[in-house]
Amino acid sequence: MATVQEIGERKEKMALACRIMGLRGVTRGSFGHISARLPGEQNRFLIKSKGPQGTALEFATTRDIITIDENGEGGNHG
């Protein structure tokens, strides 16, 4: 199971990847995404959420990265 530190580090890398994609014009607005499987876990993932304002990828922060399972359930920030 992934540690809190591993999840935090992964979220930082994912937010950076989102910003790079957005700033390089790979995506437009809130379209596109970055996702990653949690270390040592088979069915839980981190994904960039759209959020209530549909934040564009170039403005992504770790707060925008949520945890979901293989059924798309969870949506928490833990």
PDB file of N, CA and C in Angstrom:
ATOM      1  N   MET A   1       0.846  -1.183   0.000  1.00  0.00           N
ATOM      2  CA  MET A   1       0.000   0.000   0.000  1.00  0.00           C
ATOM      3  C   MET A   1       0.892   1.247   0.000  1.00  0.00           C
ATOM      4  N   ALA A   2       0.475   2.244  -0.747  1.00  0.00           N
ATOM      5  CA  ALA A   2       1.244   3.480  -0.887  1.00  0.00           C
ATOM      6  C   ALA A   2       1.242   4.269   0.423  1.00  0.00           C
ATOM      7  N   THR A   3       2.389   4.848   0.758  1.00  0.00           N
ATOM      8  CA  THR A   3       2.486   5.683   1.950  1.00  0.00           C
ATOM      9  C   THR A   3       1.989   7.090   1.629  1.00  0.00           C
ATOM     10  N   VAL A   4       1.693   7.859   2.663  1.00  0.00           N
ATOM     11  CA  VAL A   4       1.257   9.248   2.486  1.00  0.00           C
ATOM     12  C   VAL A   4       2.340  10.032   1.740  1.00  0.00           C
ATOM     13  N   GLN A   5       3.591   9.789   2.077  1.00  0.00           N
ATOM     14  CA  GLN A   5       4.695  10.481   1.408  1.00  0.00           C
ATOM     15  C   GLN A   5       4.748  10.122  -0.071  1.00  0.00           C
ATOM     16  N   GLU A   6       4.610   8.829  -0.402  1.00  0.00           N
ATOM     17  CA  GLU A   6       4.634   8.404  -1.805  1.00  0.00           C
ATOM     18  C   GLU A   6       3.484   9.037  -2.589  1.00  0.00           C
ATOM     19  N   ILE A   7       2.303   9.092  -1.976  1.00  0.00           N
ATOM     20  CA  ILE A   7       1.146   9.700  -2.639  1.00  0.00           C
ATOM     21  C   ILE A   7       1.399  11.182  -2.866  1.00  0.00           C
ATOM     22  N   GLY A   8       1.922  11.870  -1.862  1.00  0.00           N
ATOM     23  CA  GLY A   8       2.216  13.294  -1.985  1.00  0.00           C
ATOM     24  C   GLY A   8       3.230  13.575  -3.084  1.00  0.00           C
ATOM     25  N   GLU A   9       4.290  12.774  -3.134  1.00  0.00           N
ATOM     26  CA  GLU A   9       5.310  12.951  -4.168  1.00  0.00           C
ATOM     27  C   GLU A   9       4.742  12.688  -5.550  1.00  0.00           C
ATOM     28  N   ARG A  10       3.914  11.667  -5.672  1.00  0.00           N
ATOM     29  CA  ARG A  10       3.301  11.342  -6.962  1.00  0.00           C
ATOM     30  C   ARG A  10       2.368  12.464  -7.407  1.00  0.00           C
ATOM     31  N   LYS A  11       1.607  13.024  -6.453  1.00  0.00           N
ATOM     32  CA  LYS A  11       0.704  14.134  -6.780  1.00  0.00           C
ATOM     33  C   LYS A  11       1.484  15.351  -7.279  1.00  0.00           C
ATOM     34  N   GLU A  12       2.625  15.638  -6.655  1.00  0.00           N
ATOM     35  CA  GLU A  12       3.458  16.768  -7.087  1.00  0.00           C
ATOM     36  C   GLU A  12       3.939  16.561  -8.523  1.00  0.00           C
ATOM     37  N   LYS A  13       4.398  15.361  -8.834  1.00  0.00           N
ATOM     38  CA  LYS A  13       4.873  15.065 -10.185  1.00  0.00           C
ATOM     39  C   LYS A  13       3.734  15.145 -11.199  1.00  0.00           C
ATOM     40  N   MET A  14       2.572  14.655 -10.814  1.00  0.00           N
ATOM     41  CA  MET A  14       1.430  14.689 -11.720  1.00  0.00           C
ATOM     42  C   MET A  14       0.969  16.118 -11.984  1.00  0.00           C
ATOM     43  N   ALA A  15       0.916  16.940 -10.954  1.00  0.00           N
ATOM     44  CA  ALA A  15       0.514  18.336 -11.134  1.00  0.00           C
ATOM     45  C   ALA A  15       1.500  19.045 -12.055  1.00  0.00           C
ATOM     46  N   LEU A  16       2.790  18.779 -11.888  1.00  0.00           N
ATOM     47  CA  LEU A  16       3.805  19.357 -12.761  1.00  0.00           C
ATOM     48  C   LEU A  16       3.594  18.891 -14.202  1.00  0.00           C
ATOM     49  N   ALA A  17       3.341  17.603 -14.385  1.00  0.00           N
ATOM     50  CA  ALA A  17       3.111  17.071 -15.729  1.00  0.00           C
ATOM     51  C   ALA A  17       1.886  17.729 -16.372  1.00  0.00           C
ATOM     52  N   CYS A  18       0.840  17.935 -15.595  1.00  0.00           N
ATOM     53  CA  CYS A  18      -0.353  18.621 -16.105  1.00  0.00           C
ATOM     54  C   CYS A  18      -0.005  20.028 -16.576  1.00  0.00           C
ATOM     55  N   ARG A  19       0.739  20.757 -15.753  1.00  0.00           N
ATOM     56  CA  ARG A  19       1.106  22.130 -16.108  1.00  0.00           C
ATOM     57  C   ARG A  19       1.965  22.173 -17.373  1.00  0.00           C
ATOM     58  N   ILE A  20       2.891  21.238 -17.492  1.00  0.00           N
ATOM     59  CA  ILE A  20       3.731  21.178 -18.693  1.00  0.00           C
ATOM     60  C   ILE A  20       2.871  20.914 -19.926  1.00  0.00           C
ATOM     61  N   MET A  21       1.974  19.933 -19.843  1.00  0.00           N
ATOM     62  CA  MET A  21       1.101  19.630 -20.980  1.00  0.00           C
ATOM     63  C   MET A  21       0.268  20.846 -21.367  1.00  0.00           C
ATOM     64  N   GLY A  22      -0.303  21.520 -20.369  1.00  0.00           N
ATOM     65  CA  GLY A  22      -1.127  22.687 -20.635  1.00  0.00           C
ATOM     66  C   GLY A  22      -0.343  23.834 -21.243  1.00  0.00           C
ATOM     67  N   LEU A  23       0.821  24.111 -20.679  1.00  0.00           N
ATOM     68  CA  LEU A  23       1.630  25.228 -21.165  1.00  0.00           C
ATOM     69  C   LEU A  23       2.227  24.961 -22.549  1.00  0.00           C
ATOM     70  N   ARG A  24       2.454  23.703 -22.876  1.00  0.00           N
ATOM     71  CA  ARG A  24       2.995  23.344 -24.192  1.00  0.00           C
ATOM     72  C   ARG A  24       1.902  23.234 -25.252  1.00  0.00           C
ATOM     73  N   GLY A  25       0.644  23.395 -24.840  1.00  0.00           N
ATOM     74  CA  GLY A  25      -0.460  23.343 -25.798  1.00  0.00           C
ATOM     75  C   GLY A  25      -0.870  21.943 -26.212  1.00  0.00           C
ATOM     76  N   VAL A  26      -0.453  20.938 -25.443  1.00  0.00           N
ATOM     77  CA  VAL A  26      -0.824  19.561 -25.758  1.00  0.00           C
ATOM     78  C   VAL A  26      -2.326  19.360 -25.535  1.00  0.00           C
ATOM     79  N   THR A  27      -2.879  20.096 -24.601  1.00  0.00           N
ATOM     80  CA  THR A  27      -4.309  20.026 -24.291  1.00  0.00           C
ATOM     81  C   THR A  27      -4.884  21.432 -24.360  1.00  0.00           C
ATOM     82  N   ARG A  28      -6.199  21.516 -24.317  1.00  0.00           N
ATOM     83  CA  ARG A  28      -6.874  22.806 -24.319  1.00  0.00           C
ATOM     84  C   ARG A  28      -7.817  22.879 -23.131  1.00  0.00           C
ATOM     85  N   GLY A  29      -7.660  23.927 -22.323  1.00  0.00           N
ATOM     86  CA  GLY A  29      -8.552  24.106 -21.181  1.00  0.00           C
ATOM     87  C   GLY A  29      -8.497  22.939 -20.230  1.00  0.00           C
ATOM     88  N   SER A  30      -9.655  22.420 -19.868  1.00  0.00           N
ATOM     89  CA  SER A  30      -9.709  21.317 -18.908  1.00  0.00           C
ATOM     90  C   SER A  30      -9.716  19.956 -19.589  1.00  0.00           C
ATOM     91  N   PHE A  31      -9.547  19.924 -20.913  1.00  0.00           N
ATOM     92  CA  PHE A  31      -9.518  18.645 -21.626  1.00  0.00           C
ATOM     93  C   PHE A  31      -8.177  17.954 -21.425  1.00  0.00           C
ATOM     94  N   GLY A  32      -8.172  16.634 -21.519  1.00  0.00           N
ATOM     95  CA  GLY A  32      -6.971  15.846 -21.319  1.00  0.00           C
ATOM     96  C   GLY A  32      -6.778  15.534 -19.840  1.00  0.00           C
ATOM     97  N   HIS A  33      -5.904  14.579 -19.562  1.00  0.00           N
ATOM     98  CA  HIS A  33      -5.665  14.234 -18.159  1.00  0.00           C
ATOM     99  C   HIS A  33      -4.326  13.529 -17.994  1.00  0.00           C
ATOM    100  N   ILE A  34      -3.927  13.446 -16.756  1.00  0.00           N
ATOM    101  CA  ILE A  34      -2.766  12.662 -16.328  1.00  0.00           C
ATOM    102  C   ILE A  34      -3.292  11.706 -15.262  1.00  0.00           C
ATOM    103  N   SER A  35      -2.873  10.461 -15.324  1.00  0.00           N
ATOM    104  CA  SER A  35      -3.250   9.518 -14.282  1.00  0.00           C
ATOM    105  C   SER A  35      -2.061   8.629 -13.969  1.00  0.00           C
ATOM    106  N   ALA A  36      -2.089   8.026 -12.779  1.00  0.00           N
ATOM    107  CA  ALA A  36      -1.013   7.124 -12.363  1.00  0.00           C
ATOM    108  C   ALA A  36      -1.554   6.132 -11.353  1.00  0.00           C
ATOM    109  N   ARG A  37      -1.104   4.908 -11.464  1.00  0.00           N
ATOM    110  CA  ARG A  37      -1.460   3.886 -10.479  1.00  0.00           C
ATOM    111  C   ARG A  37      -0.688   4.188  -9.199  1.00  0.00           C
ATOM    112  N   LEU A  38      -1.339   4.007  -8.058  1.00  0.00           N
ATOM    113  CA  LEU A  38      -0.651   4.210  -6.784  1.00  0.00           C
ATOM    114  C   LEU A  38       0.409   3.127  -6.608  1.00  0.00           C
ATOM    115  N   PRO A  39       1.590   3.485  -6.106  1.00  0.00           N
ATOM    116  CA  PRO A  39       2.666   2.510  -5.928  1.00  0.00           C
ATOM    117  C   PRO A  39       2.218   1.313  -5.090  1.00  0.00           C
ATOM    118  N   GLY A  40       2.465   0.105  -5.606  1.00  0.00           N
ATOM    119  CA  GLY A  40       2.157  -1.110  -4.878  1.00  0.00           C
ATOM    120  C   GLY A  40       0.681  -1.472  -4.818  1.00  0.00           C
ATOM    121  N   GLU A  41      -0.160  -0.795  -5.574  1.00  0.00           N
ATOM    122  CA  GLU A  41      -1.603  -1.066  -5.548  1.00  0.00           C
ATOM    123  C   GLU A  41      -2.082  -1.406  -6.949  1.00  0.00           C
ATOM    124  N   GLN A  42      -3.024  -2.303  -7.024  1.00  0.00           N
ATOM    125  CA  GLN A  42      -3.529  -2.756  -8.311  1.00  0.00           C
ATOM    126  C   GLN A  42      -4.768  -2.008  -8.785  1.00  0.00           C
ATOM    127  N   ASN A  43      -5.569  -1.488  -7.862  1.00  0.00           N
ATOM    128  CA  ASN A  43      -6.859  -0.935  -8.292  1.00  0.00           C
ATOM    129  C   ASN A  43      -7.137   0.480  -7.799  1.00  0.00           C
ATOM    130  N   ARG A  44      -6.120   1.214  -7.355  1.00  0.00           N
ATOM    131  CA  ARG A  44      -6.325   2.616  -6.965  1.00  0.00           C
ATOM    132  C   ARG A  44      -5.388   3.493  -7.774  1.00  0.00           C
ATOM    133  N   PHE A  45      -5.931   4.634  -8.202  1.00  0.00           N
ATOM    134  CA  PHE A  45      -5.209   5.521  -9.101  1.00  0.00           C
ATOM    135  C   PHE A  45      -5.305   6.963  -8.630  1.00  0.00           C
ATOM    136  N   LEU A  46      -4.362   7.748  -9.071  1.00  0.00           N
ATOM    137  CA  LEU A  46      -4.432   9.197  -8.923  1.00  0.00           C
ATOM    138  C   LEU A  46      -4.779   9.741 -10.296  1.00  0.00           C
ATOM    139  N   ILE A  47      -5.655  10.729 -10.337  1.00  0.00           N
ATOM    140  CA  ILE A  47      -6.047  11.335 -11.599  1.00  0.00           C
ATOM    141  C   ILE A  47      -6.316  12.814 -11.371  1.00  0.00           C
ATOM    142  N   LYS A  48      -6.065  13.632 -12.377  1.00  0.00           N
ATOM    143  CA  LYS A  48      -6.356  15.061 -12.274  1.00  0.00           C
ATOM    144  C   LYS A  48      -7.853  15.230 -12.422  1.00  0.00           C
ATOM    145  N   SER A  49      -8.493  15.775 -11.390  1.00  0.00           N
ATOM    146  CA  SER A  49      -9.940  15.982 -11.446  1.00  0.00           C
ATOM    147  C   SER A  49     -10.260  17.243 -12.225  1.00  0.00           C
ATOM    148  N   LYS A  50     -11.452  17.289 -12.769  1.00  0.00           N
ATOM    149  CA  LYS A  50     -11.877  18.484 -13.502  1.00  0.00           C
ATOM    150  C   LYS A  50     -12.173  19.613 -12.536  1.00  0.00           C
ATOM    151  N   GLY A  51     -12.772  19.307 -11.407  1.00  0.00           N
ATOM    152  CA  GLY A  51     -13.082  20.327 -10.409  1.00  0.00           C
ATOM    153  C   GLY A  51     -14.295  21.151 -10.793  1.00  0.00           C
ATOM    154  N   PRO A  52     -14.842  21.895  -9.856  1.00  0.00           N
ATOM    155  CA  PRO A  52     -16.079  22.640 -10.108  1.00  0.00           C
ATOM    156  C   PRO A  52     -15.925  23.756 -11.137  1.00  0.00           C
ATOM    157  N   GLN A  53     -14.734  24.308 -11.292  1.00  0.00           N
ATOM    158  CA  GLN A  53     -14.532  25.369 -12.276  1.00  0.00           C
ATOM    159  C   GLN A  53     -13.892  24.851 -13.563  1.00  0.00           C
ATOM    160  N   GLY A  54     -13.670  23.552 -13.664  1.00  0.00           N
ATOM    161  CA  GLY A  54     -13.043  23.009 -14.860  1.00  0.00           C
ATOM    162  C   GLY A  54     -11.658  23.586 -15.099  1.00  0.00           C
ATOM    163  N   THR A  55     -10.842  23.594 -14.060  1.00  0.00           N
ATOM    164  CA  THR A  55      -9.508  24.191 -14.104  1.00  0.00           C
ATOM    165  C   THR A  55      -8.673  23.629 -15.252  1.00  0.00           C
ATOM    166  N   ALA A  56      -8.079  24.516 -16.025  1.00  0.00           N
ATOM    167  CA  ALA A  56      -7.206  24.102 -17.123  1.00  0.00           C
ATOM    168  C   ALA A  56      -5.966  23.417 -16.564  1.00  0.00           C
ATOM    169  N   LEU A  57      -5.411  22.505 -17.352  1.00  0.00           N
ATOM    170  CA  LEU A  57      -4.247  21.741 -16.889  1.00  0.00           C
ATOM    171  C   LEU A  57      -3.070  22.628 -16.505  1.00  0.00           C
ATOM    172  N   GLU A  58      -2.883  23.747 -17.203  1.00  0.00           N
ATOM    173  CA  GLU A  58      -1.711  24.574 -16.890  1.00  0.00           C
ATOM    174  C   GLU A  58      -1.775  25.216 -15.510  1.00  0.00           C
ATOM    175  N   PHE A  59      -2.923  25.122 -14.843  1.00  0.00           N
ATOM    176  CA  PHE A  59      -3.073  25.676 -13.497  1.00  0.00           C
ATOM    177  C   PHE A  59      -3.208  24.586 -12.428  1.00  0.00           C
ATOM    178  N   ALA A  60      -2.947  23.339 -12.779  1.00  0.00           N
ATOM    179  CA  ALA A  60      -3.129  22.209 -11.862  1.00  0.00           C
ATOM    180  C   ALA A  60      -2.193  22.305 -10.658  1.00  0.00           C
ATOM    181  N   THR A  61      -2.737  21.959  -9.497  1.00  0.00           N
ATOM    182  CA  THR A  61      -1.947  21.834  -8.270  1.00  0.00           C
ATOM    183  C   THR A  61      -2.226  20.460  -7.680  1.00  0.00           C
ATOM    184  N   THR A  62      -1.530  20.121  -6.621  1.00  0.00           N
ATOM    185  CA  THR A  62      -1.746  18.817  -5.985  1.00  0.00           C
ATOM    186  C   THR A  62      -3.174  18.683  -5.469  1.00  0.00           C
ATOM    187  N   ARG A  63      -3.839  19.799  -5.168  1.00  0.00           N
ATOM    188  CA  ARG A  63      -5.242  19.733  -4.710  1.00  0.00           C
ATOM    189  C   ARG A  63      -6.170  19.201  -5.787  1.00  0.00           C
ATOM    190  N   ASP A  64      -5.758  19.314  -7.044  1.00  0.00           N
ATOM    191  CA  ASP A  64      -6.576  18.856  -8.162  1.00  0.00           C
ATOM    192  C   ASP A  64      -6.424  17.364  -8.435  1.00  0.00           C
ATOM    193  N   ILE A  65      -5.466  16.721  -7.798  1.00  0.00           N
ATOM    194  CA  ILE A  65      -5.208  15.303  -8.014  1.00  0.00           C
ATOM    195  C   ILE A  65      -5.994  14.503  -6.974  1.00  0.00           C
ATOM    196  N   ILE A  66      -6.878  13.616  -7.466  1.00  0.00           N
ATOM    197  CA  ILE A  66      -7.725  12.836  -6.559  1.00  0.00           C
ATOM    198  C   ILE A  66      -7.415  11.349  -6.671  1.00  0.00           C
ATOM    199  N   THR A  67      -7.857  10.589  -5.683  1.00  0.00           N
ATOM    200  CA  THR A  67      -7.685   9.143  -5.650  1.00  0.00           C
ATOM    201  C   THR A  67      -9.006   8.480  -6.015  1.00  0.00           C
ATOM    202  N   ILE A  68      -8.953   7.563  -6.990  1.00  0.00           N
ATOM    203  CA  ILE A  68     -10.142   6.787  -7.350  1.00  0.00           C
ATOM    204  C   ILE A  68      -9.762   5.327  -7.460  1.00  0.00           C
ATOM    205  N   ASP A  69     -10.772   4.459  -7.478  1.00  0.00           N
ATOM    206  CA  ASP A  69     -10.492   3.036  -7.695  1.00  0.00           C
ATOM    207  C   ASP A  69     -10.829   2.681  -9.138  1.00  0.00           C
ATOM    208  N   GLU A  70     -10.676   1.403  -9.469  1.00  0.00           N
ATOM    209  CA  GLU A  70     -10.881   0.968 -10.853  1.00  0.00           C
ATOM    210  C   GLU A  70     -12.325   1.144 -11.340  1.00  0.00           C
ATOM    211  N   ASN A  71     -13.250   1.366 -10.416  1.00  0.00           N
ATOM    212  CA  ASN A  71     -14.639   1.613 -10.776  1.00  0.00           C
ATOM    213  C   ASN A  71     -14.970   3.108 -10.832  1.00  0.00           C
ATOM    214  N   GLY A  72     -13.945   3.939 -10.638  1.00  0.00           N
ATOM    215  CA  GLY A  72     -14.156   5.386 -10.675  1.00  0.00           C
ATOM    216  C   GLY A  72     -14.727   5.933  -9.383  1.00  0.00           C
ATOM    217  N   GLU A  73     -14.719   5.119  -8.334  1.00  0.00           N
ATOM    218  CA  GLU A  73     -15.246   5.563  -7.045  1.00  0.00           C
ATOM    219  C   GLU A  73     -14.130   6.086  -6.154  1.00  0.00           C
ATOM    220  N   GLY A  74     -14.469   6.951  -5.282  1.00  0.00           N
ATOM    221  CA  GLY A  74     -13.509   7.526  -4.347  1.00  0.00           C
ATOM    222  C   GLY A  74     -13.538   9.023  -4.440  1.00  0.00           C
ATOM    223  N   GLY A  75     -12.798   9.553  -5.396  1.00  0.00           N
ATOM    224  CA  GLY A  75     -12.793  10.992  -5.612  1.00  0.00           C
ATOM    225  C   GLY A  75     -12.247  11.796  -4.473  1.00  0.00           C
ATOM    226  N   ASN A  76     -11.613  11.128  -3.518  1.00  0.00           N
ATOM    227  CA  ASN A  76     -11.084  11.895  -2.377  1.00  0.00           C
ATOM    228  C   ASN A  76      -9.686  12.395  -2.662  1.00  0.00           C
ATOM    229  N   HIS A  77      -9.231  13.248  -1.814  1.00  0.00           N
ATOM    230  CA  HIS A  77      -7.909  13.828  -1.975  1.00  0.00           C
ATOM    231  C   HIS A  77      -6.897  13.177  -1.054  1.00  0.00           C
ATOM    232  N   GLY A  78      -7.149  11.948  -0.647  1.00  0.00           N
ATOM    233  CA  GLY A  78      -6.241  11.275   0.273  1.00  0.00           C
ATOM    234  C   GLY A  78      -5.414  10.223  -0.366  1.00  0.00           C
TER     235      GLY A  78
END
